[in-house]
């Protein structure tokens, strides 16, 4: 009897527990989907552009220095003006150099006259030796005298040329065309050929160059992208634009002249040199500018808003996508290059994937989602500029 009562009590408790659980389950709300905004991936045409900063320098710079010593008589230019190659800038007192030149010219004239006399004597002895009117020794001496006088003429002619060059150096001329800076000397100053201070400096302004550096890792990435066909040369692959300090774009495009053939062991970078025309003198040495270099173009780039990409502590990138069953799924992607406010994804996504761009704070792995908006319809069909 006691055993039957115990079994009945247990059965009753079990029934009450099951009924309670069914009542609790009935009170729980059914799981609801999360509203999200997505962007459907579609290939786009983009032109990759690297923006690199640096300071401009004159393509040609020349220090004006004296080749001889002397007193400066005149300064024949206006500081800060444009000068032409060959234009006289300074006049050094030529008196001593003119005297040396005149003396060398007289010495040469005397040597030429002596040579003429020696040749006449040698010719006469050459006839007389045939009839034994002079000795063979005298004839040989006459021939040797001619040769000595010819050597004297050569030496004296060189001395005259040296004196002429030094006399010319009294007129210090501009070695290149350009804009000349301040003069370091005035009239009456003593200058020497071995002085360390330049008289003035000329900067050629018709062309300017810009040296910038690019990491060897970026250089290697670009080479691989071109080799694989993901990137193609944009145009001639060498056009460069300058963005000035005030944000305006310089009117004249430049060209990439060369890239360094070695990697700097300290910085791990490669040097790029760009040259820009400067017909209006708008560019100045030392001016800080940003150069936009066309690197290549891609016809099937996948662009994802930067806010939709999350990164782990190791730098790896992930995005949330809506799978075929309308559930959220996180996938790993490779997004190394920025394009405006978007990332260019090179792996992990394909055309047609729906990337969640809005409502990310409510998304968890496996949660059901409802696509409330798709921004693919309003996205531009193509892009013409990118930055990396």
Protein backbone atom coordinates (compact mmCIF):
# COMPACT_ATOMS: atom_id res chain seq x y z
CA UNK A 1 0.00 0.00 0.00
CA UNK A 2 2.72 2.42 0.94
CA UNK A 3 4.55 1.66 -2.29
CA UNK A 4 1.49 2.47 -4.37
CA UNK A 5 1.04 5.81 -2.63
CA UNK A 6 4.69 6.71 -3.33
CA UNK A 7 4.39 5.90 -7.05
CA UNK A 8 1.23 7.98 -7.32
CA UNK A 9 2.93 10.97 -5.72
CA UNK A 10 5.86 10.74 -8.11
CA UNK A 11 3.58 10.55 -11.14
CA UNK A 12 1.68 13.58 -9.94
CA UNK A 13 4.87 15.63 -9.47
CA UNK A 14 6.08 14.69 -12.93
CA UNK A 15 2.81 15.77 -14.48
CA UNK A 16 2.91 19.11 -12.68
CA UNK A 17 6.54 19.71 -13.82
CA UNK A 18 5.72 18.95 -17.46
CA UNK A 19 2.69 21.18 -17.34
CA UNK A 20 4.80 24.00 -15.84
CA UNK A 21 7.44 23.71 -18.55
CA UNK A 22 4.79 23.75 -21.29
CA UNK A 23 3.26 26.85 -19.74
CA UNK A 24 6.69 28.59 -19.56
CA UNK A 25 7.49 27.72 -23.20
CA UNK A 26 4.16 29.08 -24.26
CA UNK A 27 4.96 32.38 -22.57
CA UNK A 28 8.45 32.79 -24.35
CA UNK A 29 8.29 34.91 -27.54
CA UNK A 30 9.40 33.33 -30.79
CA UNK A 31 12.93 34.36 -32.06
CA UNK A 32 12.68 37.40 -34.41
CA UNK A 33 14.97 38.36 -37.33
CA UNK A 34 17.18 41.44 -37.17
CA UNK A 35 16.73 44.23 -39.70
CA UNK A 36 19.99 45.05 -41.50
CA UNK A 37 21.18 47.04 -44.48
CA UNK A 38 23.37 45.29 -47.02
CA UNK A 39 25.44 46.13 -50.06
CA UNK A 40 25.46 43.57 -52.84
CA UNK A 41 28.93 43.12 -54.26
CA UNK A 42 29.31 44.11 -57.91
CA UNK A 43 32.61 44.51 -59.82
CA UNK A 44 33.62 48.12 -60.47
CA UNK A 45 36.29 49.82 -62.56
CA UNK A 46 38.79 51.73 -60.41
CA UNK A 47 42.07 53.49 -61.12
CA UNK A 48 44.60 52.97 -58.34
CA UNK A 49 46.31 56.20 -57.30
CA UNK A 50 49.07 56.50 -54.70
CA UNK A 51 49.31 59.80 -52.83
CA UNK A 52 52.87 60.57 -51.72
CA UNK A 53 54.16 63.72 -50.03
CA UNK A 54 57.44 65.53 -50.40
CA UNK A 55 59.19 68.85 -51.08
CA UNK A 56 60.00 70.22 -54.49
CA UNK A 57 63.55 70.90 -55.63
CA UNK A 58 65.02 72.67 -58.63
CA UNK A 59 66.08 70.31 -61.37
CA UNK A 60 69.27 72.35 -61.83
CA UNK A 61 71.04 74.36 -59.11
CA UNK A 62 74.35 76.14 -59.66
CA UNK A 63 76.61 78.04 -57.28
CA UNK A 64 78.35 81.02 -58.86
CA UNK A 65 82.04 80.89 -57.83
CA UNK A 66 85.15 82.78 -58.96
CA UNK A 67 87.77 80.91 -60.96
CA UNK A 68 90.49 83.49 -60.16
CA UNK A 69 91.32 85.93 -57.39
CA UNK A 70 90.82 89.67 -57.50
CA UNK A 71 88.77 92.69 -56.49
CA UNK A 72 85.11 92.80 -57.53
CA UNK A 73 84.58 95.97 -59.55
CA UNK A 74 80.89 95.60 -60.43
CA UNK A 75 77.86 93.48 -59.70
CA UNK A 76 75.83 93.37 -62.90
CA UNK A 77 72.54 91.74 -61.86
CA UNK A 78 69.53 92.42 -59.67
CA UNK A 79 69.14 90.00 -56.79
CA UNK A 80 66.07 87.79 -57.20
CA UNK A 81 65.86 88.37 -60.96
CA UNK A 82 65.94 85.90 -63.83
CA UNK A 83 69.29 85.51 -65.58
CA UNK A 84 70.34 83.76 -68.78
CA UNK A 85 73.20 81.32 -69.18
CA UNK A 86 76.32 83.27 -70.20
CA UNK A 87 75.08 86.55 -68.76
CA UNK A 88 77.83 88.54 -66.99
CA UNK A 89 77.14 88.69 -63.24
CA UNK A 90 80.36 90.15 -61.77
CA UNK A 91 83.34 92.03 -63.13
CA UNK A 92 86.69 91.42 -61.41
CA UNK A 93 89.46 93.99 -61.89
CA UNK A 94 91.15 92.77 -65.11
CA UNK A 95 94.27 94.99 -65.02
CA UNK A 96 96.82 92.39 -63.89
CA UNK A 97 95.28 89.67 -66.06
CA UNK A 98 95.28 91.97 -69.09
CA UNK A 99 98.97 92.71 -68.51
CA UNK A 100 99.76 89.00 -68.25
CA UNK A 101 97.87 88.37 -71.46
CA UNK A 102 99.71 91.13 -73.31
CA UNK A 103 103.05 89.84 -72.05
CA UNK A 104 102.23 86.30 -73.19
CA UNK A 105 101.19 87.60 -76.59
CA UNK A 106 104.52 89.45 -76.95
CA UNK A 107 106.50 86.39 -75.91
CA UNK A 108 104.68 84.31 -78.49
CA UNK A 109 105.35 86.87 -81.23
CA UNK A 110 109.07 86.84 -80.39
CA UNK A 111 109.15 83.03 -80.46
CA UNK A 112 107.44 82.97 -83.85
CA UNK A 113 110.00 85.43 -85.24
CA UNK A 114 112.90 83.39 -83.85
CA UNK A 115 111.46 80.25 -85.41
CA UNK A 116 111.19 81.92 -88.80
CA UNK A 117 114.85 82.98 -88.66
CA UNK A 118 115.95 79.51 -87.60
CA UNK A 119 114.06 77.92 -90.48
CA UNK A 120 115.69 80.28 -92.99
CA UNK A 121 119.15 79.44 -91.64
CA UNK A 122 118.41 75.72 -91.68
CA UNK A 123 117.24 75.89 -95.29
CA UNK A 124 120.47 77.74 -96.31
CA UNK A 125 122.68 75.23 -94.49
CA UNK A 126 120.86 72.38 -96.17
CA UNK A 127 122.02 73.71 -99.55
CA UNK A 128 125.55 74.57 -98.46
CA UNK A 129 126.22 71.19 -96.88
CA UNK A 130 125.74 69.62 -100.29
CA UNK A 131 128.77 71.47 -101.68
CA UNK A 132 130.74 71.15 -98.42
CA UNK A 133 130.50 74.90 -97.79
CA UNK A 134 129.48 74.17 -94.17
CA UNK A 135 130.18 71.21 -92.02
CA UNK A 136 127.63 68.51 -91.35
CA UNK A 137 127.70 69.44 -87.66
CA UNK A 138 126.69 73.02 -88.43
CA UNK A 139 123.80 71.73 -90.51
CA UNK A 140 122.65 69.44 -87.73
CA UNK A 141 122.84 72.30 -85.22
CA UNK A 142 120.64 74.45 -87.49
CA UNK A 143 118.02 71.70 -87.72
CA UNK A 144 118.04 71.24 -83.93
CA UNK A 145 117.61 74.99 -83.43
CA UNK A 146 114.47 74.91 -85.58
CA UNK A 147 112.99 72.13 -83.50
CA UNK A 148 113.75 73.97 -80.25
CA UNK A 149 112.16 77.15 -81.57
CA UNK A 150 109.05 75.19 -82.65
CA UNK A 151 108.73 73.83 -79.09
CA UNK A 152 109.07 77.36 -77.72
CA UNK A 153 106.27 78.55 -79.98
CA UNK A 154 103.96 75.74 -78.76
CA UNK A 155 104.73 76.55 -75.09
CA UNK A 156 104.29 80.27 -75.59
CA UNK A 157 101.02 79.74 -77.45
CA UNK A 158 99.74 77.67 -74.49
CA UNK A 159 100.81 80.43 -72.09
CA UNK A 160 98.89 82.95 -74.17
CA UNK A 161 95.79 80.72 -74.12
CA UNK A 162 96.04 80.35 -70.33
CA UNK A 163 96.36 84.12 -69.97
CA UNK A 164 93.35 84.60 -72.26
CA UNK A 165 91.26 82.17 -70.17
CA UNK A 166 92.19 83.91 -66.91
CA UNK A 167 91.39 87.26 -68.45
CA UNK A 168 87.99 85.86 -69.45
CA UNK A 169 87.42 84.69 -65.89
CA UNK A 170 87.44 88.32 -64.76
CA UNK A 171 83.92 88.39 -66.22
CA UNK A 172 81.97 85.91 -64.04
CA UNK A 173 79.00 84.65 -66.05
CA UNK A 174 75.87 82.65 -65.18
CA UNK A 175 76.47 78.92 -65.78
CA UNK A 176 72.73 78.18 -66.20
CA UNK A 177 69.53 80.10 -66.82
CA UNK A 178 67.24 80.61 -63.84
CA UNK A 179 66.51 82.87 -60.91
CA UNK A 180 69.47 84.18 -58.96
CA UNK A 181 69.42 84.71 -55.22
CA UNK A 182 71.17 87.16 -52.95
CA UNK A 183 74.78 88.14 -53.56
CA UNK A 184 77.28 87.31 -50.84
CA UNK A 185 79.75 90.02 -51.95
CA UNK A 186 79.61 93.67 -52.98
CA UNK A 187 81.84 95.91 -55.08
CA UNK A 188 85.31 96.17 -53.61
CA UNK A 189 85.29 92.70 -52.06
CA UNK A 190 88.30 90.43 -52.53
CA UNK A 191 87.46 87.01 -53.94
CA UNK A 192 89.69 83.98 -54.45
CA UNK A 193 89.50 80.88 -56.59
CA UNK A 194 89.48 78.53 -53.58
CA UNK A 195 86.92 80.28 -51.38
CA UNK A 196 84.17 78.12 -49.88
CA UNK A 197 81.38 80.71 -50.03
CA UNK A 198 79.51 81.02 -53.33
CA UNK A 199 79.02 84.51 -54.73
CA UNK A 200 75.37 83.67 -55.49
CA UNK A 201 73.15 80.67 -56.29
CA UNK A 202 71.00 80.16 -59.38
CA UNK A 203 67.94 77.89 -59.43
CA UNK A 204 66.56 76.75 -62.78
CA UNK A 205 62.77 77.12 -62.62
CA UNK A 206 61.64 75.71 -65.93
CA UNK A 207 61.41 72.21 -64.40
CA UNK A 208 61.12 70.97 -60.82
CA UNK A 209 61.57 67.52 -59.38
CA UNK A 210 60.03 65.73 -56.43
CA UNK A 211 61.68 62.78 -54.69
CA UNK A 212 59.37 60.57 -52.63
CA UNK A 213 59.77 57.18 -51.03
CA UNK A 214 57.61 54.07 -51.29
CA UNK A 215 57.94 51.04 -49.08
CA UNK A 216 59.45 48.01 -50.74
CA UNK A 217 56.44 45.98 -49.55
CA UNK A 218 54.07 48.21 -51.56
CA UNK A 219 56.39 48.02 -54.54
CA UNK A 220 56.39 44.22 -54.37
CA UNK A 221 52.60 44.14 -53.99
CA UNK A 222 52.16 46.21 -57.13
CA UNK A 223 54.53 44.03 -59.13
CA UNK A 224 52.58 40.93 -58.13
CA UNK A 225 49.26 42.60 -58.91
CA UNK A 226 50.45 43.48 -62.43
CA UNK A 227 51.94 40.02 -62.92
CA UNK A 228 48.68 38.31 -61.92
CA UNK A 229 46.56 40.57 -64.12
CA UNK A 230 44.54 42.05 -61.25
CA UNK A 231 45.97 45.46 -62.14
CA UNK A 232 46.67 46.91 -65.56
CA UNK A 233 48.63 50.00 -66.52
CA UNK A 234 46.44 53.10 -66.50
CA UNK A 235 47.20 55.09 -69.66
CA UNK A 236 50.97 55.28 -70.03
CA UNK A 237 51.41 54.44 -66.35
CA UNK A 238 53.55 57.50 -65.70
CA UNK A 239 51.21 60.49 -65.27
CA UNK A 240 51.56 62.36 -61.99
CA UNK A 241 49.44 65.18 -60.61
CA UNK A 242 50.42 67.62 -57.84
CA UNK A 243 48.09 68.82 -55.09
CA UNK A 244 49.34 72.17 -53.82
CA UNK A 245 49.54 73.30 -50.20
CA UNK A 246 46.21 75.11 -50.52
CA UNK A 247 44.47 71.96 -51.80
CA UNK A 248 44.29 72.98 -55.47
CA UNK A 249 45.55 70.76 -58.26
CA UNK A 250 48.55 71.99 -60.24
CA UNK A 251 47.63 72.66 -63.87
CA UNK A 252 50.53 70.76 -65.47
CA UNK A 253 50.94 67.01 -65.15
CA UNK A 254 54.37 65.54 -64.47
CA UNK A 255 56.04 62.26 -65.30
CA UNK A 256 57.72 59.56 -63.25
CA UNK A 257 61.34 59.77 -64.37
CA UNK A 258 62.76 56.74 -62.56
CA UNK A 259 62.49 54.57 -59.49
CA UNK A 260 65.39 53.55 -57.32
CA UNK A 261 67.09 50.28 -58.15
CA UNK A 262 67.99 49.54 -54.54
CA UNK A 263 66.10 49.43 -51.24
CA UNK A 264 67.31 51.70 -48.47
CA UNK A 265 68.69 49.43 -45.77
CA UNK A 266 67.58 51.80 -42.98
CA UNK A 267 64.03 52.65 -44.04
CA UNK A 268 63.19 49.72 -46.31
CA UNK A 269 61.93 52.10 -49.00
CA UNK A 270 62.47 52.79 -52.70
CA UNK A 271 62.97 56.33 -54.05
CA UNK A 272 60.75 57.66 -56.84
CA UNK A 273 61.67 60.83 -58.76
CA UNK A 274 59.00 62.83 -60.57
CA UNK A 275 59.59 65.83 -62.86
CA UNK A 276 57.10 68.64 -63.43
CA UNK A 277 57.13 71.51 -65.93
CA UNK A 278 57.04 74.98 -64.37
CA UNK A 279 56.44 77.45 -67.22
CA UNK A 280 54.74 80.05 -65.00
CA UNK A 281 57.11 79.77 -62.03
CA UNK A 282 54.29 78.68 -59.74
CA UNK A 283 56.36 75.90 -58.19
CA UNK A 284 59.11 76.95 -55.80
CA UNK A 285 62.00 74.97 -54.28
CA UNK A 286 61.17 73.65 -50.84
CA UNK A 287 57.40 73.79 -51.41
CA UNK A 288 55.55 70.91 -49.70
CA UNK A 289 53.18 69.13 -52.09
CA UNK A 290 51.29 65.87 -52.47
CA UNK A 291 51.81 63.85 -55.62
CA UNK A 292 49.11 61.57 -56.98
CA UNK A 293 50.66 58.79 -59.03
CA UNK A 294 48.53 56.56 -61.26
CA UNK A 295 49.58 53.00 -60.44
CA UNK A 296 47.17 50.93 -62.47
CA UNK A 297 43.53 50.08 -63.03
CA UNK A 298 41.26 47.19 -62.09
CA UNK A 299 38.07 46.36 -63.98
CA UNK A 300 36.60 43.97 -61.39
CA UNK A 301 37.31 45.53 -58.01
CA UNK A 302 34.97 44.77 -55.10
CA UNK A 303 34.45 47.79 -52.83
CA UNK A 304 33.25 47.50 -49.22
CA UNK A 305 32.56 50.49 -46.91
CA UNK A 306 35.30 50.79 -44.32
CA UNK A 307 32.76 50.80 -41.46
CA UNK A 308 31.62 47.34 -42.52
CA UNK A 309 35.11 45.87 -42.07
CA UNK A 310 36.28 44.83 -38.61
CA UNK A 311 39.88 44.02 -37.82
CA UNK A 312 41.42 41.75 -35.23
CA UNK A 313 44.46 42.60 -33.15
CA UNK A 314 46.70 40.90 -35.73
CA UNK A 315 45.32 43.11 -38.51
CA UNK A 316 43.18 40.43 -40.18
CA UNK A 317 39.91 41.75 -41.66
CA UNK A 318 36.38 40.32 -41.45
CA UNK A 319 32.94 41.26 -42.73
CA UNK A 320 29.43 40.05 -41.98
CA UNK A 321 27.42 38.66 -44.90
CA UNK A 322 23.90 37.34 -45.34
CA UNK A 323 23.99 33.70 -46.43
CA UNK A 324 21.49 31.87 -48.63
CA UNK A 325 19.34 30.97 -45.57
CA UNK A 326 19.09 34.65 -44.50
CA UNK A 327 21.38 34.20 -41.53
CA UNK A 328 24.41 36.29 -40.58
CA UNK A 329 27.82 34.78 -41.21
CA UNK A 330 31.26 36.28 -40.62
CA UNK A 331 33.87 35.74 -43.34
CA UNK A 332 37.56 36.62 -43.49
CA UNK A 333 38.60 38.98 -46.27
CA UNK A 334 41.74 40.68 -47.52
CA UNK A 335 41.34 44.45 -47.62
CA UNK A 336 44.71 46.18 -47.83
CA UNK A 337 44.02 49.10 -50.16
CA UNK A 338 41.75 52.03 -49.36
CA UNK A 339 39.56 53.73 -51.95
CA UNK A 340 38.06 56.87 -50.47
CA UNK A 341 35.89 55.67 -47.57
CA UNK A 342 35.90 52.08 -48.86
CA UNK A 343 38.24 49.11 -48.90
CA UNK A 344 39.18 47.21 -52.05
CA UNK A 345 38.65 43.54 -51.18
CA UNK A 346 40.92 41.19 -53.08
CA UNK A 347 39.88 37.87 -51.51
CA UNK A 348 37.09 36.43 -49.37
CA UNK A 349 34.16 37.90 -51.34
CA UNK A 350 32.69 37.41 -54.78
CA UNK A 351 30.18 39.20 -56.94
CA UNK A 352 26.64 38.80 -55.60
CA UNK A 353 27.62 38.46 -51.93
CA UNK A 354 25.50 40.62 -49.62
CA UNK A 355 27.68 42.42 -47.10
CA UNK A 356 25.99 43.84 -44.02
CA UNK A 357 26.73 47.57 -43.79
CA UNK A 358 24.00 48.75 -41.35
CA UNK A 359 22.77 47.21 -38.09
CA UNK A 360 26.08 45.54 -37.32
CA UNK A 361 25.69 46.16 -33.59
CA UNK A 362 22.74 43.73 -33.51
CA UNK A 363 24.34 41.01 -35.62
CA UNK A 364 25.66 37.77 -34.16
CA UNK A 365 26.80 34.54 -35.76
CA UNK A 366 23.84 32.49 -36.94
CA UNK A 367 21.18 35.08 -36.15
CA UNK A 368 18.36 35.40 -38.64
CA UNK A 369 18.39 38.68 -40.52
CA UNK A 370 15.92 40.62 -42.63
CA UNK A 371 17.34 42.77 -45.41
CA UNK A 372 15.67 46.13 -44.98
CA UNK A 373 17.79 48.00 -47.54
CA UNK A 374 20.27 47.16 -50.31
CA UNK A 375 22.63 49.99 -51.27
CA UNK A 376 23.83 48.28 -54.43
CA UNK A 377 21.15 49.99 -56.48
CA UNK A 378 22.45 53.43 -55.54
CA UNK A 379 26.19 52.64 -55.79
CA UNK A 380 28.15 54.17 -58.69
CA UNK A 381 28.74 51.87 -61.62
CA UNK A 382 32.39 52.84 -62.00
CA UNK A 383 35.11 54.76 -60.24
CA UNK A 384 37.81 56.76 -61.88
CA UNK A 385 40.20 57.52 -59.00
CA UNK A 386 41.46 55.66 -56.00
CA UNK A 387 44.01 56.19 -53.27
CA UNK A 388 46.32 53.65 -51.71
